Amino acid sequence: MAGDDTAIRISREVDDARGRLIFAIVNPKHLKELLHADPFVPFSLVLATGKVYHVTNPDVLNVTMQGQIIHEDVHGPTTYINPIRITEVLKPTQT
């Protein structure tokens, strides 16, 4: 799948057993690549605080030209995320 290939290519370490992608530093450009993957593969952002933001479709996350990350949840508030606070990008495990 193109989305998986993109995610693996931009990650520093991949833990296939749990579907975890671990980045040394999450670059907003990398998130844009995941958002524009064809087909799109849902993923989650894990912050240093432990808070998890699920990206179920490309419309949920917006990465601005300035690198700001905006998560828009239809069931909750819009959240601005500092990329430095993202510790993991999780993909769903393959079944």
PDB file of N, CA and C in Angstrom:
ATOM      1  N   MET A   1       0.841  -1.188   0.000  1.00  0.00           N
ATOM      2  CA  MET A   1       0.000   0.000   0.000  1.00  0.00           C
ATOM      3  C   MET A   1       0.877   1.240   0.000  1.00  0.00           C
ATOM      4  N   ALA A   2       0.492   2.236  -0.762  1.00  0.00           N
ATOM      5  CA  ALA A   2       1.296   3.446  -0.864  1.00  0.00           C
ATOM      6  C   ALA A   2       1.368   4.179   0.467  1.00  0.00           C
ATOM      7  N   GLY A   3       0.249   4.227   1.213  1.00  0.00           N
ATOM      8  CA  GLY A   3       0.245   4.924   2.496  1.00  0.00           C
ATOM      9  C   GLY A   3       1.223   4.312   3.477  1.00  0.00           C
ATOM     10  N   ASP A   4       1.255   2.967   3.516  1.00  0.00           N
ATOM     11  CA  ASP A   4       2.178   2.293   4.426  1.00  0.00           C
ATOM     12  C   ASP A   4       3.617   2.556   4.013  1.00  0.00           C
ATOM     13  N   ASP A   5       3.898   2.502   2.700  1.00  0.00           N
ATOM     14  CA  ASP A   5       5.253   2.754   2.217  1.00  0.00           C
ATOM     15  C   ASP A   5       5.721   4.150   2.599  1.00  0.00           C
ATOM     16  N   THR A   6       4.839   5.136   2.453  1.00  0.00           N
ATOM     17  CA  THR A   6       5.190   6.507   2.810  1.00  0.00           C
ATOM     18  C   THR A   6       5.502   6.597   4.292  1.00  0.00           C
ATOM     19  N   ALA A   7       4.653   5.996   5.121  1.00  0.00           N
ATOM     20  CA  ALA A   7       4.843   6.066   6.569  1.00  0.00           C
ATOM     21  C   ALA A   7       6.158   5.411   6.972  1.00  0.00           C
ATOM     22  N   ILE A   8       6.445   4.262   6.391  1.00  0.00           N
ATOM     23  CA  ILE A   8       7.678   3.564   6.742  1.00  0.00           C
ATOM     24  C   ILE A   8       8.892   4.360   6.285  1.00  0.00           C
ATOM     25  N   ARG A   9       8.818   4.945   5.106  1.00  0.00           N
ATOM     26  CA  ARG A   9       9.954   5.680   4.559  1.00  0.00           C
ATOM     27  C   ARG A   9      10.315   6.891   5.419  1.00  0.00           C
ATOM     28  N   ILE A  10       9.315   7.549   6.019  1.00  0.00           N
ATOM     29  CA  ILE A  10       9.622   8.762   6.765  1.00  0.00           C
ATOM     30  C   ILE A  10       9.878   8.509   8.243  1.00  0.00           C
ATOM     31  N   SER A  11       9.733   7.273   8.678  1.00  0.00           N
ATOM     32  CA  SER A  11       9.935   7.001  10.099  1.00  0.00           C
ATOM     33  C   SER A  11      11.382   6.621  10.384  1.00  0.00           C
ATOM     34  N   ARG A  12      11.799   6.892  11.574  1.00  0.00           N
ATOM     35  CA  ARG A  12      13.136   6.498  12.012  1.00  0.00           C
ATOM     36  C   ARG A  12      13.124   5.039  12.448  1.00  0.00           C
ATOM     37  N   GLU A  13      12.054   4.598  13.076  1.00  0.00           N
ATOM     38  CA  GLU A  13      11.960   3.229  13.587  1.00  0.00           C
ATOM     39  C   GLU A  13      10.535   2.752  13.370  1.00  0.00           C
ATOM     40  N   VAL A  14      10.379   1.512  12.991  1.00  0.00           N
ATOM     41  CA  VAL A  14       9.044   0.961  12.781  1.00  0.00           C
ATOM     42  C   VAL A  14       8.892  -0.284  13.639  1.00  0.00           C
ATOM     43  N   ASP A  15       7.807  -0.345  14.384  1.00  0.00           N
ATOM     44  CA  ASP A  15       7.495  -1.514  15.185  1.00  0.00           C
ATOM     45  C   ASP A  15       6.265  -2.150  14.557  1.00  0.00           C
ATOM     46  N   ASP A  16       6.459  -3.074  13.619  1.00  0.00           N
ATOM     47  CA  ASP A  16       5.360  -3.685  12.884  1.00  0.00           C
ATOM     48  C   ASP A  16       4.418  -4.485  13.770  1.00  0.00           C
ATOM     49  N   ALA A  17       4.921  -5.063  14.831  1.00  0.00           N
ATOM     50  CA  ALA A  17       4.101  -5.908  15.693  1.00  0.00           C
ATOM     51  C   ALA A  17       2.922  -5.134  16.281  1.00  0.00           C
ATOM     52  N   ARG A  18       3.138  -3.888  16.599  1.00  0.00           N
ATOM     53  CA  ARG A  18       2.059  -3.075  17.181  1.00  0.00           C
ATOM     54  C   ARG A  18       1.577  -1.996  16.231  1.00  0.00           C
ATOM     55  N   GLY A  19       2.135  -1.912  15.025  1.00  0.00           N
ATOM     56  CA  GLY A  19       1.704  -0.896  14.074  1.00  0.00           C
ATOM     57  C   GLY A  19       2.142   0.490  14.465  1.00  0.00           C
ATOM     58  N   ARG A  20       3.205   0.574  15.238  1.00  0.00           N
ATOM     59  CA  ARG A  20       3.666   1.856  15.744  1.00  0.00           C
ATOM     60  C   ARG A  20       4.721   2.455  14.842  1.00  0.00           C
ATOM     61  N   LEU A  21       4.624   3.736  14.601  1.00  0.00           N
ATOM     62  CA  LEU A  21       5.675   4.482  13.919  1.00  0.00           C
ATOM     63  C   LEU A  21       6.257   5.442  14.941  1.00  0.00           C
ATOM     64  N   ILE A  22       7.564   5.452  15.074  1.00  0.00           N
ATOM     65  CA  ILE A  22       8.192   6.340  16.042  1.00  0.00           C
ATOM     66  C   ILE A  22       9.096   7.297  15.284  1.00  0.00           C
ATOM     67  N   PHE A  23       8.861   8.569  15.434  1.00  0.00           N
ATOM     68  CA  PHE A  23       9.651   9.585  14.773  1.00  0.00           C
ATOM     69  C   PHE A  23      10.588  10.238  15.781  1.00  0.00           C
ATOM     70  N   ALA A  24      11.800  10.578  15.359  1.00  0.00           N
ATOM     71  CA  ALA A  24      12.702  11.325  16.229  1.00  0.00           C
ATOM     72  C   ALA A  24      12.083  12.692  16.480  1.00  0.00           C
ATOM     73  N   ILE A  25      11.673  13.348  15.438  1.00  0.00           N
ATOM     74  CA  ILE A  25      10.946  14.621  15.508  1.00  0.00           C
ATOM     75  C   ILE A  25       9.882  14.561  14.428  1.00  0.00           C
ATOM     76  N   VAL A  26       8.650  14.835  14.785  1.00  0.00           N
ATOM     77  CA  VAL A  26       7.586  14.809  13.795  1.00  0.00           C
ATOM     78  C   VAL A  26       7.610  16.120  13.027  1.00  0.00           C
ATOM     79  N   ASN A  27       7.862  16.013  11.755  1.00  0.00           N
ATOM     80  CA  ASN A  27       7.895  17.163  10.870  1.00  0.00           C
ATOM     81  C   ASN A  27       6.503  17.313  10.264  1.00  0.00           C
ATOM     82  N   PRO A  28       5.924  18.511  10.281  1.00  0.00           N
ATOM     83  CA  PRO A  28       4.606  18.693   9.670  1.00  0.00           C
ATOM     84  C   PRO A  28       4.552  18.190   8.224  1.00  0.00           C
ATOM     85  N   LYS A  29       5.663  18.254   7.513  1.00  0.00           N
ATOM     86  CA  LYS A  29       5.704  17.748   6.134  1.00  0.00           C
ATOM     87  C   LYS A  29       5.413  16.252   6.106  1.00  0.00           C
ATOM     88  N   HIS A  30       5.909  15.513   7.090  1.00  0.00           N
ATOM     89  CA  HIS A  30       5.657  14.078   7.170  1.00  0.00           C
ATOM     90  C   HIS A  30       4.171  13.801   7.388  1.00  0.00           C
ATOM     91  N   LEU A  31       3.531  14.608   8.219  1.00  0.00           N
ATOM     92  CA  LEU A  31       2.101  14.431   8.443  1.00  0.00           C
ATOM     93  C   LEU A  31       1.313  14.716   7.177  1.00  0.00           C
ATOM     94  N   LYS A  32       1.739  15.705   6.412  1.00  0.00           N
ATOM     95  CA  LYS A  32       1.075  15.995   5.133  1.00  0.00           C
ATOM     96  C   LYS A  32       1.173  14.799   4.194  1.00  0.00           C
ATOM     97  N   GLU A  33       2.322  14.133   4.188  1.00  0.00           N
ATOM     98  CA  GLU A  33       2.483  12.950   3.349  1.00  0.00           C
ATOM     99  C   GLU A  33       1.510  11.853   3.767  1.00  0.00           C
ATOM    100  N   LEU A  34       1.331  11.658   5.062  1.00  0.00           N
ATOM    101  CA  LEU A  34       0.375  10.659   5.539  1.00  0.00           C
ATOM    102  C   LEU A  34      -1.053  11.044   5.166  1.00  0.00           C
ATOM    103  N   LEU A  35      -1.377  12.335   5.260  1.00  0.00           N
ATOM    104  CA  LEU A  35      -2.725  12.808   4.933  1.00  0.00           C
ATOM    105  C   LEU A  35      -3.051  12.659   3.454  1.00  0.00           C
ATOM    106  N   HIS A  36      -2.032  12.770   2.597  1.00  0.00           N
ATOM    107  CA  HIS A  36      -2.255  12.719   1.152  1.00  0.00           C
ATOM    108  C   HIS A  36      -1.981  11.333   0.558  1.00  0.00           C
ATOM    109  N   ALA A  37      -1.719  10.345   1.404  1.00  0.00           N
ATOM    110  CA  ALA A  37      -1.467   8.990   0.915  1.00  0.00           C
ATOM    111  C   ALA A  37      -2.698   8.458   0.186  1.00  0.00           C
ATOM    112  N   ASP A  38      -2.467   7.695  -0.857  1.00  0.00           N
ATOM    113  CA  ASP A  38      -3.563   7.115  -1.624  1.00  0.00           C
ATOM    114  C   ASP A  38      -3.351   5.621  -1.726  1.00  0.00           C
ATOM    115  N   PRO A  39      -4.133   4.810  -1.038  1.00  0.00           N
ATOM    116  CA  PRO A  39      -5.307   5.197  -0.256  1.00  0.00           C
ATOM    117  C   PRO A  39      -4.901   5.723   1.122  1.00  0.00           C
ATOM    118  N   PHE A  40      -5.774   6.525   1.681  1.00  0.00           N
ATOM    119  CA  PHE A  40      -5.535   7.074   3.013  1.00  0.00           C
ATOM    120  C   PHE A  40      -5.598   5.955   4.046  1.00  0.00           C
ATOM    121  N   VAL A  41      -4.653   5.954   4.982  1.00  0.00           N
ATOM    122  CA  VAL A  41      -4.625   4.983   6.081  1.00  0.00           C
ATOM    123  C   VAL A  41      -4.793   5.767   7.387  1.00  0.00           C
ATOM    124  N   PRO A  42      -5.867   5.499   8.156  1.00  0.00           N
ATOM    125  CA  PRO A  42      -6.071   6.216   9.422  1.00  0.00           C
ATOM    126  C   PRO A  42      -4.871   6.048  10.349  1.00  0.00           C
ATOM    127  N   PHE A  43      -4.629   7.066  11.165  1.00  0.00           N
ATOM    128  CA  PHE A  43      -3.536   7.015  12.129  1.00  0.00           C
ATOM    129  C   PHE A  43      -3.911   7.852  13.337  1.00  0.00           C
ATOM    130  N   SER A  44      -3.110   7.750  14.378  1.00  0.00           N
ATOM    131  CA  SER A  44      -3.339   8.525  15.596  1.00  0.00           C
ATOM    132  C   SER A  44      -2.052   9.228  15.993  1.00  0.00           C
ATOM    133  N   LEU A  45      -2.204  10.398  16.569  1.00  0.00           N
ATOM    134  CA  LEU A  45      -1.068  11.152  17.092  1.00  0.00           C
ATOM    135  C   LEU A  45      -1.070  11.014  18.607  1.00  0.00           C
ATOM    136  N   VAL A  46       0.068  10.655  19.161  1.00  0.00           N
ATOM    137  CA  VAL A  46       0.194  10.533  20.612  1.00  0.00           C
ATOM    138  C   VAL A  46       1.112  11.653  21.090  1.00  0.00           C
ATOM    139  N   LEU A  47       0.626  12.429  22.050  1.00  0.00           N
ATOM    140  CA  LEU A  47       1.413  13.529  22.595  1.00  0.00           C
ATOM    141  C   LEU A  47       2.195  13.076  23.821  1.00  0.00           C
ATOM    142  N   ALA A  48       3.161  13.861  24.193  1.00  0.00           N
ATOM    143  CA  ALA A  48       3.994  13.564  25.364  1.00  0.00           C
ATOM    144  C   ALA A  48       3.143  13.447  26.629  1.00  0.00           C
ATOM    145  N   THR A  49       2.017  14.105  26.656  1.00  0.00           N
ATOM    146  CA  THR A  49       1.121  14.048  27.818  1.00  0.00           C
ATOM    147  C   THR A  49       0.331  12.747  27.885  1.00  0.00           C
ATOM    148  N   GLY A  50       0.360  11.961  26.784  1.00  0.00           N
ATOM    149  CA  GLY A  50      -0.430  10.738  26.714  1.00  0.00           C
ATOM    150  C   GLY A  50      -1.733  10.920  25.963  1.00  0.00           C
ATOM    151  N   LYS A  51      -2.106  12.146  25.680  1.00  0.00           N
ATOM    152  CA  LYS A  51      -3.334  12.427  24.926  1.00  0.00           C
ATOM    153  C   LYS A  51      -3.187  11.877  23.517  1.00  0.00           C
ATOM    154  N   VAL A  52      -4.250  11.257  22.998  1.00  0.00           N
ATOM    155  CA  VAL A  52      -4.241  10.667  21.663  1.00  0.00           C
ATOM    156  C   VAL A  52      -5.281  11.365  20.794  1.00  0.00           C
ATOM    157  N   TYR A  53      -4.882  11.741  19.602  1.00  0.00           N
ATOM    158  CA  TYR A  53      -5.772  12.348  18.621  1.00  0.00           C
ATOM    159  C   TYR A  53      -5.886  11.406  17.438  1.00  0.00           C
ATOM    160  N   HIS A  54      -7.097  10.941  17.149  1.00  0.00           N
ATOM    161  CA  HIS A  54      -7.330  10.003  16.059  1.00  0.00           C
ATOM    162  C   HIS A  54      -7.598  10.770  14.767  1.00  0.00           C
ATOM    163  N   VAL A  55      -6.936  10.336  13.714  1.00  0.00           N
ATOM    164  CA  VAL A  55      -7.123  10.937  12.389  1.00  0.00           C
ATOM    165  C   VAL A  55      -7.785   9.855  11.538  1.00  0.00           C
ATOM    166  N   THR A  56      -9.116   9.887  11.512  1.00  0.00           N
ATOM    167  CA  THR A  56      -9.892   8.854  10.833  1.00  0.00           C
ATOM    168  C   THR A  56     -10.070   9.118   9.348  1.00  0.00           C
ATOM    169  N   ASN A  57      -9.899  10.366   8.941  1.00  0.00           N
ATOM    170  CA  ASN A  57      -9.939  10.730   7.528  1.00  0.00           C
ATOM    171  C   ASN A  57      -9.129  12.016   7.357  1.00  0.00           C
ATOM    172  N   PRO A  58      -8.724  12.339   6.149  1.00  0.00           N
ATOM    173  CA  PRO A  58      -7.840  13.493   5.937  1.00  0.00           C
ATOM    174  C   PRO A  58      -8.436  14.842   6.341  1.00  0.00           C
ATOM    175  N   ASP A  59      -9.760  14.913   6.454  1.00  0.00           N
ATOM    176  CA  ASP A  59     -10.400  16.180   6.804  1.00  0.00           C
ATOM    177  C   ASP A  59     -10.306  16.506   8.293  1.00  0.00           C
ATOM    178  N   VAL A  60      -9.904  15.553   9.103  1.00  0.00           N
ATOM    179  CA  VAL A  60      -9.836  15.744  10.551  1.00  0.00           C
ATOM    180  C   VAL A  60      -8.596  16.543  10.953  1.00  0.00           C
ATOM    181  N   LEU A  61      -7.530  16.442  10.159  1.00  0.00           N
ATOM    182  CA  LEU A  61      -6.269  17.103  10.498  1.00  0.00           C
ATOM    183  C   LEU A  61      -5.897  18.091   9.406  1.00  0.00           C
ATOM    184  N   ASN A  62      -5.450  19.260   9.824  1.00  0.00           N
ATOM    185  CA  ASN A  62      -5.003  20.284   8.887  1.00  0.00           C
ATOM    186  C   ASN A  62      -3.593  20.696   9.276  1.00  0.00           C
ATOM    187  N   VAL A  63      -2.696  20.690   8.309  1.00  0.00           N
ATOM    188  CA  VAL A  63      -1.334  21.151   8.525  1.00  0.00           C
ATOM    189  C   VAL A  63      -1.158  22.403   7.671  1.00  0.00           C
ATOM    190  N   THR A  64      -0.975  23.542   8.326  1.00  0.00           N
ATOM    191  CA  THR A  64      -0.882  24.800   7.601  1.00  0.00           C
ATOM    192  C   THR A  64       0.492  24.965   6.956  1.00  0.00           C
ATOM    193  N   MET A  65       0.605  25.947   6.071  1.00  0.00           N
ATOM    194  CA  MET A  65       1.887  26.224   5.412  1.00  0.00           C
ATOM    195  C   MET A  65       2.959  26.608   6.424  1.00  0.00           C
ATOM    196  N   GLN A  66       2.537  27.171   7.561  1.00  0.00           N
ATOM    197  CA  GLN A  66       3.473  27.564   8.616  1.00  0.00           C
ATOM    198  C   GLN A  66       3.840  26.398   9.529  1.00  0.00           C
ATOM    199  N   GLY A  67       3.244  25.206   9.290  1.00  0.00           N
ATOM    200  CA  GLY A  67       3.562  24.041  10.096  1.00  0.00           C
ATOM    201  C   GLY A  67       2.685  23.855  11.315  1.00  0.00           C
ATOM    202  N   GLN A  68       1.648  24.656  11.438  1.00  0.00           N
ATOM    203  CA  GLN A  68       0.725  24.470  12.558  1.00  0.00           C
ATOM    204  C   GLN A  68      -0.137  23.245  12.279  1.00  0.00           C
ATOM    205  N   ILE A  69      -0.427  22.480  13.319  1.00  0.00           N
ATOM    206  CA  ILE A  69      -1.245  21.288  13.179  1.00  0.00           C
ATOM    207  C   ILE A  69      -2.555  21.535  13.909  1.00  0.00           C
ATOM    208  N   ILE A  70      -3.652  21.357  13.183  1.00  0.00           N
ATOM    209  CA  ILE A  70      -4.974  21.621  13.737  1.00  0.00           C
ATOM    210  C   ILE A  70      -5.798  20.345  13.619  1.00  0.00           C
ATOM    211  N   HIS A  71      -6.266  19.837  14.763  1.00  0.00           N
ATOM    212  CA  HIS A  71      -7.108  18.640  14.792  1.00  0.00           C
ATOM    213  C   HIS A  71      -8.538  19.093  15.035  1.00  0.00           C
ATOM    214  N   GLU A  72      -9.442  18.745  14.109  1.00  0.00           N
ATOM    215  CA  GLU A  72     -10.842  19.140  14.215  1.00  0.00           C
ATOM    216  C   GLU A  72     -11.682  17.900  14.442  1.00  0.00           C
ATOM    217  N   ASP A  73     -12.202  17.772  15.645  1.00  0.00           N
ATOM    218  CA  ASP A  73     -13.019  16.624  16.018  1.00  0.00           C
ATOM    219  C   ASP A  73     -14.480  17.041  16.000  1.00  0.00           C
ATOM    220  N   VAL A  74     -15.317  16.286  15.264  1.00  0.00           N
ATOM    221  CA  VAL A  74     -16.738  16.644  15.206  1.00  0.00           C
ATOM    222  C   VAL A  74     -17.430  16.445  16.549  1.00  0.00           C
ATOM    223  N   HIS A  75     -16.827  15.636  17.428  1.00  0.00           N
ATOM    224  CA  HIS A  75     -17.425  15.371  18.736  1.00  0.00           C
ATOM    225  C   HIS A  75     -16.729  16.128  19.867  1.00  0.00           C
ATOM    226  N   GLY A  76     -15.844  17.035  19.515  1.00  0.00           N
ATOM    227  CA  GLY A  76     -15.103  17.754  20.545  1.00  0.00           C
ATOM    228  C   GLY A  76     -14.545  19.051  19.993  1.00  0.00           C
ATOM    229  N   PRO A  77     -13.686  19.673  20.772  1.00  0.00           N
ATOM    230  CA  PRO A  77     -13.148  20.970  20.360  1.00  0.00           C
ATOM    231  C   PRO A  77     -12.067  20.839  19.279  1.00  0.00           C
ATOM    232  N   THR A  78     -11.846  21.936  18.584  1.00  0.00           N
ATOM    233  CA  THR A  78     -10.716  22.043  17.661  1.00  0.00           C
ATOM    234  C   THR A  78      -9.469  22.267  18.496  1.00  0.00           C
ATOM    235  N   THR A  79      -8.397  21.533  18.198  1.00  0.00           N
ATOM    236  CA  THR A  79      -7.178  21.591  18.990  1.00  0.00           C
ATOM    237  C   THR A  79      -5.991  21.943  18.118  1.00  0.00           C
ATOM    238  N   TYR A  80      -5.195  22.888  18.580  1.00  0.00           N
ATOM    239  CA  TYR A  80      -3.926  23.219  17.926  1.00  0.00           C
ATOM    240  C   TYR A  80      -2.843  22.401  18.604  1.00  0.00           C
ATOM    241  N   ILE A  81      -2.079  21.659  17.809  1.00  0.00           N
ATOM    242  CA  ILE A  81      -1.073  20.745  18.351  1.00  0.00           C
ATOM    243  C   ILE A  81       0.319  21.227  17.971  1.00  0.00           C
ATOM    244  N   ASN A  82       1.178  21.337  18.963  1.00  0.00           N
ATOM    245  CA  ASN A  82       2.577  21.684  18.725  1.00  0.00           C
ATOM    246  C   ASN A  82       3.302  20.422  18.258  1.00  0.00           C
ATOM    247  N   PRO A  83       3.906  20.417  17.057  1.00  0.00           N
ATOM    248  CA  PRO A  83       4.554  19.210  16.551  1.00  0.00           C
ATOM    249  C   PRO A  83       5.632  18.658  17.485  1.00  0.00           C
ATOM    250  N   ILE A  84       6.245  19.508  18.274  1.00  0.00           N
ATOM    251  CA  ILE A  84       7.288  19.062  19.200  1.00  0.00           C
ATOM    252  C   ILE A  84       6.709  18.142  20.270  1.00  0.00           C
ATOM    253  N   ARG A  85       5.430  18.282  20.556  1.00  0.00           N
ATOM    254  CA  ARG A  85       4.773  17.480  21.598  1.00  0.00           C
ATOM    255  C   ARG A  85       4.356  16.095  21.111  1.00  0.00           C
ATOM    256  N   ILE A  86       4.421  15.837  19.799  1.00  0.00           N
ATOM    257  CA  ILE A  86       4.016  14.537  19.267  1.00  0.00           C
ATOM    258  C   ILE A  86       5.158  13.545  19.457  1.00  0.00           C
ATOM    259  N   THR A  87       4.858  12.454  20.169  1.00  0.00           N
ATOM    260  CA  THR A  87       5.895  11.451  20.431  1.00  0.00           C
ATOM    261  C   THR A  87       5.750  10.225  19.541  1.00  0.00           C
ATOM    262  N   GLU A  88       4.534   9.941  19.081  1.00  0.00           N
ATOM    263  CA  GLU A  88       4.305   8.768  18.253  1.00  0.00           C
ATOM    264  C   GLU A  88       3.220   9.035  17.224  1.00  0.00           C
ATOM    265  N   VAL A  89       3.344   8.348  16.108  1.00  0.00           N
ATOM    266  CA  VAL A  89       2.284   8.288  15.120  1.00  0.00           C
ATOM    267  C   VAL A  89       1.921   6.816  15.000  1.00  0.00           C
ATOM    268  N   LEU A  90       0.693   6.472  15.385  1.00  0.00           N
ATOM    269  CA  LEU A  90       0.256   5.081  15.405  1.00  0.00           C
ATOM    270  C   LEU A  90      -0.630   4.774  14.222  1.00  0.00           C
ATOM    271  N   LYS A  91      -0.367   3.636  13.583  1.00  0.00           N
ATOM    272  CA  LYS A  91      -1.249   3.131  12.531  1.00  0.00           C
ATOM    273  C   LYS A  91      -2.041   1.985  13.118  1.00  0.00           C
ATOM    274  N   PRO A  92      -3.240   1.717  12.566  1.00  0.00           N
ATOM    275  CA  PRO A  92      -3.977   0.549  13.054  1.00  0.00           C
ATOM    276  C   PRO A  92      -3.198  -0.717  12.713  1.00  0.00           C
ATOM    277  N   THR A  93      -3.274  -1.712  13.586  1.00  0.00           N
ATOM    278  CA  THR A  93      -2.557  -2.963  13.333  1.00  0.00           C
ATOM    279  C   THR A  93      -3.229  -3.716  12.201  1.00  0.00           C
ATOM    280  N   GLN A  94      -2.438  -4.430  11.435  1.00  0.00           N
ATOM    281  CA  GLN A  94      -2.966  -5.226  10.320  1.00  0.00           C
ATOM    282  C   GLN A  94      -3.612  -6.480  10.882  1.00  0.00           C
ATOM    283  N   THR A  95      -4.813  -6.828  10.395  1.00  0.00           N
ATOM    284  CA  THR A  95      -5.476  -8.051  10.862  1.00  0.00           C
ATOM    285  C   THR A  95      -5.672  -8.993   9.718  1.00  0.00           C
TER     286      THR A  95
END
